[in-house]
Amino acid sequence: MKATSTIMRLLDDMASHKFEQERGHATSSVECYMKQHGVSKQHAYQELNKRVEDGWKDVNQGYLKPIAIPMHLLSCILDFACTGDFMCRGHKDLFTNVGDTMNDHITSLFLDLVPL
């Protein structure tokens, strides 16, 4: 669960960084990393993406070798992480800025019939 939270937080911060800085919102993990390590925004994105990848490794490890958590709960956690990855990957915030991509996916999930 911790790895999923890390994935979601970092992806969301990277996706909404520019928008939130323009609005003067709270400091994101991108800003914190830049200030703490004295690096450029590009370098901060690279390092945070590495942490996201490490988080995915932890999620996959937990899913493939479960210890004490029921599989149906692990599936929910994995689905949550996949949804966040889809909505924030490529530094696009599809949750806040719903566009054609999100509309097309929602249509394909709920309106388009699957031929049998």
PDB file of N, CA and C in Angstrom:
ATOM      1  N   MET A   1       0.824  -1.190   0.000  1.00  0.00           N
ATOM      2  CA  MET A   1       0.000   0.000   0.000  1.00  0.00           C
ATOM      3  C   MET A   1       0.871   1.258   0.000  1.00  0.00           C
ATOM      4  N   LYS A   2       1.972   1.223   0.708  1.00  0.00           N
ATOM      5  CA  LYS A   2       2.861   2.382   0.769  1.00  0.00           C
ATOM      6  C   LYS A   2       3.423   2.694  -0.617  1.00  0.00           C
ATOM      7  N   ALA A   3       3.814   1.670  -1.353  1.00  0.00           N
ATOM      8  CA  ALA A   3       4.366   1.873  -2.695  1.00  0.00           C
ATOM      9  C   ALA A   3       3.314   2.480  -3.618  1.00  0.00           C
ATOM     10  N   THR A   4       2.072   2.038  -3.496  1.00  0.00           N
ATOM     11  CA  THR A   4       0.995   2.591  -4.312  1.00  0.00           C
ATOM     12  C   THR A   4       0.784   4.060  -3.991  1.00  0.00           C
ATOM     13  N   SER A   5       0.819   4.412  -2.728  1.00  0.00           N
ATOM     14  CA  SER A   5       0.677   5.808  -2.327  1.00  0.00           C
ATOM     15  C   SER A   5       1.810   6.660  -2.882  1.00  0.00           C
ATOM     16  N   THR A   6       3.021   6.123  -2.849  1.00  0.00           N
ATOM     17  CA  THR A   6       4.174   6.842  -3.390  1.00  0.00           C
ATOM     18  C   THR A   6       4.013   7.059  -4.885  1.00  0.00           C
ATOM     19  N   ILE A   7       3.617   6.020  -5.600  1.00  0.00           N
ATOM     20  CA  ILE A   7       3.403   6.123  -7.040  1.00  0.00           C
ATOM     21  C   ILE A   7       2.380   7.213  -7.343  1.00  0.00           C
ATOM     22  N   MET A   8       1.241   7.148  -6.672  1.00  0.00           N
ATOM     23  CA  MET A   8       0.167   8.104  -6.916  1.00  0.00           C
ATOM     24  C   MET A   8       0.597   9.530  -6.594  1.00  0.00           C
ATOM     25  N   ARG A   9       1.240   9.730  -5.449  1.00  0.00           N
ATOM     26  CA  ARG A   9       1.655  11.071  -5.041  1.00  0.00           C
ATOM     27  C   ARG A   9       2.638  11.672  -6.034  1.00  0.00           C
ATOM     28  N   LEU A  10       3.667  10.907  -6.404  1.00  0.00           N
ATOM     29  CA  LEU A  10       4.687  11.440  -7.295  1.00  0.00           C
ATOM     30  C   LEU A  10       4.147  11.689  -8.696  1.00  0.00           C
ATOM     31  N   LEU A  11       3.359  10.747  -9.227  1.00  0.00           N
ATOM     32  CA  LEU A  11       2.780  10.952 -10.559  1.00  0.00           C
ATOM     33  C   LEU A  11       1.861  12.162 -10.578  1.00  0.00           C
ATOM     34  N   ASP A  12       1.047  12.307  -9.554  1.00  0.00           N
ATOM     35  CA  ASP A  12       0.139  13.451  -9.486  1.00  0.00           C
ATOM     36  C   ASP A  12       0.921  14.758  -9.373  1.00  0.00           C
ATOM     37  N   ASP A  13       1.948  14.782  -8.531  1.00  0.00           N
ATOM     38  CA  ASP A  13       2.750  15.997  -8.381  1.00  0.00           C
ATOM     39  C   ASP A  13       3.447  16.385  -9.674  1.00  0.00           C
ATOM     40  N   MET A  14       3.969  15.406 -10.394  1.00  0.00           N
ATOM     41  CA  MET A  14       4.639  15.722 -11.657  1.00  0.00           C
ATOM     42  C   MET A  14       3.636  16.169 -12.721  1.00  0.00           C
ATOM     43  N   ALA A  15       2.455  15.553 -12.732  1.00  0.00           N
ATOM     44  CA  ALA A  15       1.446  15.894 -13.733  1.00  0.00           C
ATOM     45  C   ALA A  15       0.860  17.286 -13.500  1.00  0.00           C
ATOM     46  N   SER A  16       0.689  17.672 -12.252  1.00  0.00           N
ATOM     47  CA  SER A  16       0.027  18.940 -11.953  1.00  0.00           C
ATOM     48  C   SER A  16       0.997  20.040 -11.518  1.00  0.00           C
ATOM     49  N   HIS A  17       2.291  19.777 -11.587  1.00  0.00           N
ATOM     50  CA  HIS A  17       3.298  20.718 -11.089  1.00  0.00           C
ATOM     51  C   HIS A  17       3.168  22.110 -11.693  1.00  0.00           C
ATOM     52  N   LYS A  18       3.172  22.202 -13.002  1.00  0.00           N
ATOM     53  CA  LYS A  18       3.125  23.510 -13.666  1.00  0.00           C
ATOM     54  C   LYS A  18       1.838  24.245 -13.312  1.00  0.00           C
ATOM     55  N   PHE A  19       0.716  23.555 -13.402  1.00  0.00           N
ATOM     56  CA  PHE A  19      -0.584  24.156 -13.112  1.00  0.00           C
ATOM     57  C   PHE A  19      -0.660  24.664 -11.672  1.00  0.00           C
ATOM     58  N   GLU A  20      -0.194  23.865 -10.735  1.00  0.00           N
ATOM     59  CA  GLU A  20      -0.269  24.257  -9.329  1.00  0.00           C
ATOM     60  C   GLU A  20       0.688  25.397  -8.999  1.00  0.00           C
ATOM     61  N   GLN A  21       1.834  25.449  -9.649  1.00  0.00           N
ATOM     62  CA  GLN A  21       2.765  26.551  -9.408  1.00  0.00           C
ATOM     63  C   GLN A  21       2.198  27.864  -9.941  1.00  0.00           C
ATOM     64  N   GLU A  22       1.492  27.804 -11.063  1.00  0.00           N
ATOM     65  CA  GLU A  22       0.864  29.000 -11.617  1.00  0.00           C
ATOM     66  C   GLU A  22      -0.221  29.527 -10.690  1.00  0.00           C
ATOM     67  N   ARG A  23      -0.898  28.627 -10.001  1.00  0.00           N
ATOM     68  CA  ARG A  23      -1.974  29.028  -9.084  1.00  0.00           C
ATOM     69  C   ARG A  23      -1.456  29.354  -7.689  1.00  0.00           C
ATOM     70  N   GLY A  24      -0.170  29.099  -7.446  1.00  0.00           N
ATOM     71  CA  GLY A  24       0.397  29.403  -6.135  1.00  0.00           C
ATOM     72  C   GLY A  24       0.000  28.420  -5.050  1.00  0.00           C
ATOM     73  N   HIS A  25      -0.235  27.192  -5.445  1.00  0.00           N
ATOM     74  CA  HIS A  25      -0.608  26.167  -4.465  1.00  0.00           C
ATOM     75  C   HIS A  25       0.602  25.748  -3.640  1.00  0.00           C
ATOM     76  N   ALA A  26       0.379  24.829  -2.753  1.00  0.00           N
ATOM     77  CA  ALA A  26       1.439  24.316  -1.888  1.00  0.00           C
ATOM     78  C   ALA A  26       2.571  23.713  -2.705  1.00  0.00           C
ATOM     79  N   THR A  27       3.714  23.656  -2.107  1.00  0.00           N
ATOM     80  CA  THR A  27       4.889  23.104  -2.752  1.00  0.00           C
ATOM     81  C   THR A  27       4.690  21.615  -3.029  1.00  0.00           C
ATOM     82  N   SER A  28       5.070  21.197  -4.231  1.00  0.00           N
ATOM     83  CA  SER A  28       4.935  19.797  -4.617  1.00  0.00           C
ATOM     84  C   SER A  28       6.248  19.061  -4.366  1.00  0.00           C
ATOM     85  N   SER A  29       6.217  17.757  -4.585  1.00  0.00           N
ATOM     86  CA  SER A  29       7.435  16.964  -4.408  1.00  0.00           C
ATOM     87  C   SER A  29       8.497  17.379  -5.420  1.00  0.00           C
ATOM     88  N   VAL A  30       8.086  17.896  -6.581  1.00  0.00           N
ATOM     89  CA  VAL A  30       9.043  18.370  -7.580  1.00  0.00           C
ATOM     90  C   VAL A  30       9.807  19.567  -7.021  1.00  0.00           C
ATOM     91  N   GLU A  31       9.087  20.542  -6.474  1.00  0.00           N
ATOM     92  CA  GLU A  31       9.728  21.721  -5.887  1.00  0.00           C
ATOM     93  C   GLU A  31      10.617  21.342  -4.707  1.00  0.00           C
ATOM     94  N   CYS A  32      10.123  20.459  -3.860  1.00  0.00           N
ATOM     95  CA  CYS A  32      10.915  20.022  -2.698  1.00  0.00           C
ATOM     96  C   CYS A  32      12.219  19.374  -3.141  1.00  0.00           C
ATOM     97  N   TYR A  33      12.140  18.492  -4.141  1.00  0.00           N
ATOM     98  CA  TYR A  33      13.338  17.803  -4.609  1.00  0.00           C
ATOM     99  C   TYR A  33      14.324  18.791  -5.219  1.00  0.00           C
ATOM    100  N   MET A  34      13.821  19.731  -5.996  1.00  0.00           N
ATOM    101  CA  MET A  34      14.685  20.729  -6.627  1.00  0.00           C
ATOM    102  C   MET A  34      15.421  21.553  -5.565  1.00  0.00           C
ATOM    103  N   LYS A  35      14.701  21.994  -4.553  1.00  0.00           N
ATOM    104  CA  LYS A  35      15.312  22.821  -3.509  1.00  0.00           C
ATOM    105  C   LYS A  35      16.263  22.018  -2.638  1.00  0.00           C
ATOM    106  N   GLN A  36      15.865  20.816  -2.277  1.00  0.00           N
ATOM    107  CA  GLN A  36      16.684  19.997  -1.385  1.00  0.00           C
ATOM    108  C   GLN A  36      17.999  19.585  -2.030  1.00  0.00           C
ATOM    109  N   HIS A  37      17.967  19.280  -3.329  1.00  0.00           N
ATOM    110  CA  HIS A  37      19.167  18.776  -4.005  1.00  0.00           C
ATOM    111  C   HIS A  37      19.822  19.793  -4.929  1.00  0.00           C
ATOM    112  N   GLY A  38      19.226  20.976  -5.067  1.00  0.00           N
ATOM    113  CA  GLY A  38      19.788  22.011  -5.909  1.00  0.00           C
ATOM    114  C   GLY A  38      19.914  21.608  -7.366  1.00  0.00           C
ATOM    115  N   VAL A  39      18.855  21.005  -7.896  1.00  0.00           N
ATOM    116  CA  VAL A  39      18.887  20.505  -9.273  1.00  0.00           C
ATOM    117  C   VAL A  39      17.797  21.183 -10.108  1.00  0.00           C
ATOM    118  N   SER A  40      17.868  20.986 -11.414  1.00  0.00           N
ATOM    119  CA  SER A  40      16.870  21.542 -12.329  1.00  0.00           C
ATOM    120  C   SER A  40      15.563  20.748 -12.242  1.00  0.00           C
ATOM    121  N   LYS A  41      14.527  21.328 -12.822  1.00  0.00           N
ATOM    122  CA  LYS A  41      13.232  20.650 -12.857  1.00  0.00           C
ATOM    123  C   LYS A  41      13.337  19.343 -13.629  1.00  0.00           C
ATOM    124  N   GLN A  42      14.056  19.349 -14.740  1.00  0.00           N
ATOM    125  CA  GLN A  42      14.221  18.142 -15.558  1.00  0.00           C
ATOM    126  C   GLN A  42      14.882  17.017 -14.760  1.00  0.00           C
ATOM    127  N   HIS A  43      15.936  17.358 -14.019  1.00  0.00           N
ATOM    128  CA  HIS A  43      16.631  16.353 -13.213  1.00  0.00           C
ATOM    129  C   HIS A  43      15.710  15.835 -12.099  1.00  0.00           C
ATOM    130  N   ALA A  44      14.941  16.729 -11.502  1.00  0.00           N
ATOM    131  CA  ALA A  44      14.002  16.313 -10.454  1.00  0.00           C
ATOM    132  C   ALA A  44      12.978  15.332 -11.011  1.00  0.00           C
ATOM    133  N   TYR A  45      12.472  15.614 -12.204  1.00  0.00           N
ATOM    134  CA  TYR A  45      11.515  14.704 -12.844  1.00  0.00           C
ATOM    135  C   TYR A  45      12.153  13.336 -13.079  1.00  0.00           C
ATOM    136  N   GLN A  46      13.395  13.313 -13.545  1.00  0.00           N
ATOM    137  CA  GLN A  46      14.077  12.041 -13.789  1.00  0.00           C
ATOM    138  C   GLN A  46      14.210  11.232 -12.503  1.00  0.00           C
ATOM    139  N   GLU A  47      14.617  11.888 -11.436  1.00  0.00           N
ATOM    140  CA  GLU A  47      14.797  11.184 -10.163  1.00  0.00           C
ATOM    141  C   GLU A  47      13.464  10.713  -9.586  1.00  0.00           C
ATOM    142  N   LEU A  48      12.444  11.542  -9.688  1.00  0.00           N
ATOM    143  CA  LEU A  48      11.135  11.141  -9.175  1.00  0.00           C
ATOM    144  C   LEU A  48      10.547  10.005 -10.010  1.00  0.00           C
ATOM    145  N   ASN A  49      10.813  10.011 -11.316  1.00  0.00           N
ATOM    146  CA  ASN A  49      10.377   8.887 -12.154  1.00  0.00           C
ATOM    147  C   ASN A  49      11.070   7.590 -11.752  1.00  0.00           C
ATOM    148  N   LYS A  50      12.331   7.672 -11.337  1.00  0.00           N
ATOM    149  CA  LYS A  50      13.030   6.478 -10.842  1.00  0.00           C
ATOM    150  C   LYS A  50      12.342   5.948  -9.590  1.00  0.00           C
ATOM    151  N   ARG A  51      11.906   6.848  -8.733  1.00  0.00           N
ATOM    152  CA  ARG A  51      11.194   6.424  -7.510  1.00  0.00           C
ATOM    153  C   ARG A  51       9.851   5.801  -7.845  1.00  0.00           C
ATOM    154  N   VAL A  52       9.195   6.319  -8.870  1.00  0.00           N
ATOM    155  CA  VAL A  52       7.934   5.715  -9.325  1.00  0.00           C
ATOM    156  C   VAL A  52       8.204   4.295  -9.821  1.00  0.00           C
ATOM    157  N   GLU A  53       9.248   4.127 -10.609  1.00  0.00           N
ATOM    158  CA  GLU A  53       9.598   2.790 -11.120  1.00  0.00           C
ATOM    159  C   GLU A  53       9.929   1.839  -9.978  1.00  0.00           C
ATOM    160  N   ASP A  54      10.636   2.321  -8.979  1.00  0.00           N
ATOM    161  CA  ASP A  54      10.928   1.488  -7.798  1.00  0.00           C
ATOM    162  C   ASP A  54       9.633   1.112  -7.070  1.00  0.00           C
ATOM    163  N   GLY A  55       8.703   2.052  -7.006  1.00  0.00           N
ATOM    164  CA  GLY A  55       7.406   1.768  -6.395  1.00  0.00           C
ATOM    165  C   GLY A  55       6.665   0.680  -7.145  1.00  0.00           C
ATOM    166  N   TRP A  56       6.726   0.732  -8.488  1.00  0.00           N
ATOM    167  CA  TRP A  56       6.082  -0.311  -9.289  1.00  0.00           C
ATOM    168  C   TRP A  56       6.721  -1.676  -9.050  1.00  0.00           C
ATOM    169  N   LYS A  57       8.020  -1.683  -8.873  1.00  0.00           N
ATOM    170  CA  LYS A  57       8.697  -2.953  -8.573  1.00  0.00           C
ATOM    171  C   LYS A  57       8.185  -3.522  -7.255  1.00  0.00           C
ATOM    172  N   ASP A  58       8.003  -2.649  -6.253  1.00  0.00           N
ATOM    173  CA  ASP A  58       7.489  -3.098  -4.957  1.00  0.00           C
ATOM    174  C   ASP A  58       6.054  -3.600  -5.068  1.00  0.00           C
ATOM    175  N   VAL A  59       5.218  -2.883  -5.831  1.00  0.00           N
ATOM    176  CA  VAL A  59       3.828  -3.306  -6.019  1.00  0.00           C
ATOM    177  C   VAL A  59       3.775  -4.667  -6.704  1.00  0.00           C
ATOM    178  N   ASN A  60       4.557  -4.822  -7.764  1.00  0.00           N
ATOM    179  CA  ASN A  60       4.575  -6.102  -8.483  1.00  0.00           C
ATOM    180  C   ASN A  60       5.095  -7.235  -7.611  1.00  0.00           C
ATOM    181  N   GLN A  61       6.111  -6.965  -6.832  1.00  0.00           N
ATOM    182  CA  GLN A  61       6.659  -7.978  -5.919  1.00  0.00           C
ATOM    183  C   GLN A  61       5.589  -8.425  -4.920  1.00  0.00           C
ATOM    184  N   GLY A  62       4.875  -7.444  -4.358  1.00  0.00           N
ATOM    185  CA  GLY A  62       3.822  -7.766  -3.391  1.00  0.00           C
ATOM    186  C   GLY A  62       2.670  -8.524  -4.017  1.00  0.00           C
ATOM    187  N   TYR A  63       2.378  -8.232  -5.269  1.00  0.00           N
ATOM    188  CA  TYR A  63       1.276  -8.906  -5.947  1.00  0.00           C
ATOM    189  C   TYR A  63       1.662 -10.327  -6.357  1.00  0.00           C
ATOM    190  N   LEU A  64       2.890 -10.513  -6.793  1.00  0.00           N
ATOM    191  CA  LEU A  64       3.318 -11.830  -7.263  1.00  0.00           C
ATOM    192  C   LEU A  64       3.677 -12.781  -6.127  1.00  0.00           C
ATOM    193  N   LYS A  65       4.089 -12.214  -5.002  1.00  0.00           N
ATOM    194  CA  LYS A  65       4.450 -13.046  -3.847  1.00  0.00           C
ATOM    195  C   LYS A  65       3.741 -12.523  -2.597  1.00  0.00           C
ATOM    196  N   PRO A  66       2.404 -12.699  -2.548  1.00  0.00           N
ATOM    197  CA  PRO A  66       1.658 -12.180  -1.392  1.00  0.00           C
ATOM    198  C   PRO A  66       2.011 -12.936  -0.115  1.00  0.00           C
ATOM    199  N   ILE A  67       2.006 -12.214   0.999  1.00  0.00           N
ATOM    200  CA  ILE A  67       2.350 -12.819   2.283  1.00  0.00           C
ATOM    201  C   ILE A  67       1.096 -13.018   3.135  1.00  0.00           C
ATOM    202  N   ALA A  68       0.488 -11.922   3.572  1.00  0.00           N
ATOM    203  CA  ALA A  68      -0.639 -12.064   4.489  1.00  0.00           C
ATOM    204  C   ALA A  68      -1.877 -11.305   4.030  1.00  0.00           C
ATOM    205  N   ILE A  69      -1.849 -10.729   2.851  1.00  0.00           N
ATOM    206  CA  ILE A  69      -2.978  -9.935   2.369  1.00  0.00           C
ATOM    207  C   ILE A  69      -3.745 -10.757   1.335  1.00  0.00           C
ATOM    208  N   PRO A  70      -5.064 -10.828   1.481  1.00  0.00           N
ATOM    209  CA  PRO A  70      -5.863 -11.589   0.515  1.00  0.00           C
ATOM    210  C   PRO A  70      -5.700 -11.058  -0.913  1.00  0.00           C
ATOM    211  N   MET A  71      -5.761 -11.944  -1.883  1.00  0.00           N
ATOM    212  CA  MET A  71      -5.532 -11.581  -3.284  1.00  0.00           C
ATOM    213  C   MET A  71      -6.550 -10.567  -3.792  1.00  0.00           C
ATOM    214  N   HIS A  72      -7.809 -10.656  -3.360  1.00  0.00           N
ATOM    215  CA  HIS A  72      -8.807  -9.696  -3.845  1.00  0.00           C
ATOM    216  C   HIS A  72      -8.481  -8.277  -3.372  1.00  0.00           C
ATOM    217  N   LEU A  73      -7.890  -8.126  -2.205  1.00  0.00           N
ATOM    218  CA  LEU A  73      -7.470  -6.811  -1.735  1.00  0.00           C
ATOM    219  C   LEU A  73      -6.250  -6.320  -2.514  1.00  0.00           C
ATOM    220  N   LEU A  74      -5.321  -7.218  -2.789  1.00  0.00           N
ATOM    221  CA  LEU A  74      -4.154  -6.849  -3.592  1.00  0.00           C
ATOM    222  C   LEU A  74      -4.569  -6.418  -4.996  1.00  0.00           C
ATOM    223  N   SER A  75      -5.584  -7.063  -5.545  1.00  0.00           N
ATOM    224  CA  SER A  75      -6.079  -6.684  -6.877  1.00  0.00           C
ATOM    225  C   SER A  75      -6.639  -5.267  -6.872  1.00  0.00           C
ATOM    226  N   CYS A  76      -7.338  -4.902  -5.808  1.00  0.00           N
ATOM    227  CA  CYS A  76      -7.869  -3.531  -5.690  1.00  0.00           C
ATOM    228  C   CYS A  76      -6.737  -2.516  -5.621  1.00  0.00           C
ATOM    229  N   ILE A  77      -5.701  -2.829  -4.861  1.00  0.00           N
ATOM    230  CA  ILE A  77      -4.551  -1.930  -4.732  1.00  0.00           C
ATOM    231  C   ILE A  77      -3.844  -1.787  -6.075  1.00  0.00           C
ATOM    232  N   LEU A  78      -3.669  -2.891  -6.777  1.00  0.00           N
ATOM    233  CA  LEU A  78      -3.029  -2.849  -8.090  1.00  0.00           C
ATOM    234  C   LEU A  78      -3.873  -2.051  -9.086  1.00  0.00           C
ATOM    235  N   ASP A  79      -5.180  -2.259  -9.073  1.00  0.00           N
ATOM    236  CA  ASP A  79      -6.067  -1.510  -9.965  1.00  0.00           C
ATOM    237  C   ASP A  79      -6.002  -0.006  -9.687  1.00  0.00           C
ATOM    238  N   PHE A  80      -5.947   0.353  -8.412  1.00  0.00           N
ATOM    239  CA  PHE A  80      -5.837   1.760  -8.021  1.00  0.00           C
ATOM    240  C   PHE A  80      -4.553   2.379  -8.580  1.00  0.00           C
ATOM    241  N   ALA A  81      -3.454   1.655  -8.440  1.00  0.00           N
ATOM    242  CA  ALA A  81      -2.172   2.147  -8.952  1.00  0.00           C
ATOM    243  C   ALA A  81      -2.204   2.270 -10.476  1.00  0.00           C
ATOM    244  N   CYS A  82      -2.803   1.310 -11.145  1.00  0.00           N
ATOM    245  CA  CYS A  82      -2.893   1.362 -12.612  1.00  0.00           C
ATOM    246  C   CYS A  82      -3.742   2.541 -13.077  1.00  0.00           C
ATOM    247  N   THR A  83      -4.821   2.821 -12.377  1.00  0.00           N
ATOM    248  CA  THR A  83      -5.670   3.957 -12.715  1.00  0.00           C
ATOM    249  C   THR A  83      -4.897   5.263 -12.569  1.00  0.00           C
ATOM    250  N   GLY A  84      -4.181   5.401 -11.475  1.00  0.00           N
ATOM    251  CA  GLY A  84      -3.371   6.600 -11.269  1.00  0.00           C
ATOM    252  C   GLY A  84      -2.290   6.742 -12.314  1.00  0.00           C
ATOM    253  N   ASP A  85      -1.685   5.632 -12.668  1.00  0.00           N
ATOM    254  CA  ASP A  85      -0.647   5.648 -13.699  1.00  0.00           C
ATOM    255  C   ASP A  85      -1.222   6.112 -15.032  1.00  0.00           C
ATOM    256  N   PHE A  86      -2.392   5.599 -15.379  1.00  0.00           N
ATOM    257  CA  PHE A  86      -3.047   5.996 -16.629  1.00  0.00           C
ATOM    258  C   PHE A  86      -3.382   7.484 -16.619  1.00  0.00           C
ATOM    259  N   MET A  87      -3.895   7.989 -15.506  1.00  0.00           N
ATOM    260  CA  MET A  87      -4.365   9.368 -15.445  1.00  0.00           C
ATOM    261  C   MET A  87      -3.248  10.402 -15.341  1.00  0.00           C
ATOM    262  N   CYS A  88      -2.056   9.981 -14.935  1.00  0.00           N
ATOM    263  CA  CYS A  88      -0.969  10.947 -14.723  1.00  0.00           C
ATOM    264  C   CYS A  88       0.280  10.676 -15.549  1.00  0.00           C
ATOM    265  N   ARG A  89       0.354   9.579 -16.240  1.00  0.00           N
ATOM    266  CA  ARG A  89       1.563   9.224 -16.993  1.00  0.00           C
ATOM    267  C   ARG A  89       1.816  10.248 -18.092  1.00  0.00           C
ATOM    268  N   GLY A  90       3.063  10.523 -18.350  1.00  0.00           N
ATOM    269  CA  GLY A  90       3.428  11.508 -19.364  1.00  0.00           C
ATOM    270  C   GLY A  90       3.224  12.931 -18.888  1.00  0.00           C
ATOM    271  N   HIS A  91       3.131  13.096 -17.576  1.00  0.00           N
ATOM    272  CA  HIS A  91       2.975  14.412 -16.954  1.00  0.00           C
ATOM    273  C   HIS A  91       1.713  15.129 -17.437  1.00  0.00           C
ATOM    274  N   LYS A  92       0.658  14.334 -17.679  1.00  0.00           N
ATOM    275  CA  LYS A  92      -0.639  14.889 -18.040  1.00  0.00           C
ATOM    276  C   LYS A  92      -1.619  14.556 -16.927  1.00  0.00           C
ATOM    277  N   ASP A  93      -2.347  15.534 -16.471  1.00  0.00           N
ATOM    278  CA  ASP A  93      -3.305  15.344 -15.391  1.00  0.00           C
ATOM    279  C   ASP A  93      -4.698  15.162 -15.985  1.00  0.00           C
ATOM    280  N   LEU A  94      -5.035  13.920 -16.342  1.00  0.00           N
ATOM    281  CA  LEU A  94      -6.325  13.641 -16.963  1.00  0.00           C
ATOM    282  C   LEU A  94      -7.477  13.708 -15.970  1.00  0.00           C
ATOM    283  N   PHE A  95      -7.176  13.716 -14.683  1.00  0.00           N
ATOM    284  CA  PHE A  95      -8.222  13.835 -13.681  1.00  0.00           C
ATOM    285  C   PHE A  95      -8.746  15.271 -13.645  1.00  0.00           C
ATOM    286  N   THR A  96      -7.838  16.234 -13.643  1.00  0.00           N
ATOM    287  CA  THR A  96      -8.226  17.643 -13.605  1.00  0.00           C
ATOM    288  C   THR A  96      -8.614  18.148 -14.979  1.00  0.00           C
ATOM    289  N   ASN A  97      -7.860  17.771 -15.991  1.00  0.00           N
ATOM    290  CA  ASN A  97      -8.074  18.257 -17.348  1.00  0.00           C
ATOM    291  C   ASN A  97      -8.635  17.138 -18.219  1.00  0.00           C
ATOM    292  N   VAL A  98      -9.904  16.865 -18.031  1.00  0.00           N
ATOM    293  CA  VAL A  98     -10.548  15.806 -18.803  1.00  0.00           C
ATOM    294  C   VAL A  98     -10.632  16.259 -20.248  1.00  0.00           C
ATOM    295  N   GLY A  99     -10.111  15.432 -21.127  1.00  0.00           N
ATOM    296  CA  GLY A  99     -10.115  15.769 -22.555  1.00  0.00           C
ATOM    297  C   GLY A  99     -10.593  14.601 -23.375  1.00  0.00           C
ATOM    298  N   ASP A 100     -10.239  14.621 -24.647  1.00  0.00           N
ATOM    299  CA  ASP A 100     -10.679  13.569 -25.562  1.00  0.00           C
ATOM    300  C   ASP A 100     -10.167  12.192 -25.161  1.00  0.00           C
ATOM    301  N   THR A 101      -8.929  12.126 -24.664  1.00  0.00           N
ATOM    302  CA  THR A 101      -8.370  10.825 -24.279  1.00  0.00           C
ATOM    303  C   THR A 101      -9.209  10.173 -23.193  1.00  0.00           C
ATOM    304  N   MET A 102      -9.522  10.929 -22.154  1.00  0.00           N
ATOM    305  CA  MET A 102     -10.308  10.377 -21.052  1.00  0.00           C
ATOM    306  C   MET A 102     -11.740  10.078 -21.512  1.00  0.00           C
ATOM    307  N   ASN A 103     -12.324  10.959 -22.278  1.00  0.00           N
ATOM    308  CA  ASN A 103     -13.680  10.725 -22.782  1.00  0.00           C
ATOM    309  C   ASN A 103     -13.737   9.465 -23.633  1.00  0.00           C
ATOM    310  N   ASP A 104     -12.735   9.259 -24.486  1.00  0.00           N
ATOM    311  CA  ASP A 104     -12.696   8.060 -25.331  1.00  0.00           C
ATOM    312  C   ASP A 104     -12.589   6.794 -24.491  1.00  0.00           C
ATOM    313  N   HIS A 105     -11.776   6.832 -23.441  1.00  0.00           N
ATOM    314  CA  HIS A 105     -11.635   5.645 -22.590  1.00  0.00           C
ATOM    315  C   HIS A 105     -12.911   5.357 -21.810  1.00  0.00           C
ATOM    316  N   ILE A 106     -13.552   6.380 -21.296  1.00  0.00           N
ATOM    317  CA  ILE A 106     -14.807   6.173 -20.567  1.00  0.00           C
ATOM    318  C   ILE A 106     -15.871   5.624 -21.512  1.00  0.00           C
ATOM    319  N   THR A 107     -15.934   6.169 -22.714  1.00  0.00           N
ATOM    320  CA  THR A 107     -16.890   5.673 -23.706  1.00  0.00           C
ATOM    321  C   THR A 107     -16.626   4.210 -24.027  1.00  0.00           C
ATOM    322  N   SER A 108     -15.363   3.849 -24.208  1.00  0.00           N
ATOM    323  CA  SER A 108     -15.040   2.459 -24.549  1.00  0.00           C
ATOM    324  C   SER A 108     -15.354   1.507 -23.402  1.00  0.00           C
ATOM    325  N   LEU A 109     -15.254   1.983 -22.173  1.00  0.00           N
ATOM    326  CA  LEU A 109     -15.539   1.122 -21.025  1.00  0.00           C
ATOM    327  C   LEU A 109     -17.031   0.912 -20.797  1.00  0.00           C
ATOM    328  N   PHE A 110     -17.827   1.970 -20.979  1.00  0.00           N
ATOM    329  CA  PHE A 110     -19.229   1.897 -20.563  1.00  0.00           C
ATOM    330  C   PHE A 110     -20.258   1.940 -21.684  1.00  0.00           C
ATOM    331  N   LEU A 111     -19.883   2.415 -22.854  1.00  0.00           N
ATOM    332  CA  LEU A 111     -20.878   2.577 -23.906  1.00  0.00           C
ATOM    333  C   LEU A 111     -20.668   1.676 -25.116  1.00  0.00           C
ATOM    334  N   ASP A 112     -19.414   1.429 -25.469  1.00  0.00           N
ATOM    335  CA  ASP A 112     -19.138   0.615 -26.648  1.00  0.00           C
ATOM    336  C   ASP A 112     -19.344  -0.868 -26.331  1.00  0.00           C
ATOM    337  N   LEU A 113     -20.111  -1.521 -27.157  1.00  0.00           N
ATOM    338  CA  LEU A 113     -20.359  -2.950 -26.947  1.00  0.00           C
ATOM    339  C   LEU A 113     -19.162  -3.770 -27.397  1.00  0.00           C
ATOM    340  N   VAL A 114     -18.924  -4.839 -26.688  1.00  0.00           N
ATOM    341  CA  VAL A 114     -17.837  -5.767 -27.040  1.00  0.00           C
ATOM    342  C   VAL A 114     -18.469  -6.845 -27.908  1.00  0.00           C
ATOM    343  N   PRO A 115     -17.997  -6.992 -29.145  1.00  0.00           N
ATOM    344  CA  PRO A 115     -18.574  -8.030 -30.019  1.00  0.00           C
ATOM    345  C   PRO A 115     -18.228  -9.428 -29.516  1.00  0.00           C
ATOM    346  N   LEU A 116     -19.209 -10.289 -29.559  1.00  0.00           N
ATOM    347  CA  LEU A 116     -19.026 -11.672 -29.109  1.00  0.00           C
ATOM    348  C   LEU A 116     -18.976 -12.620 -30.274  1.00  0.00           C
TER     349      LEU A 116
END
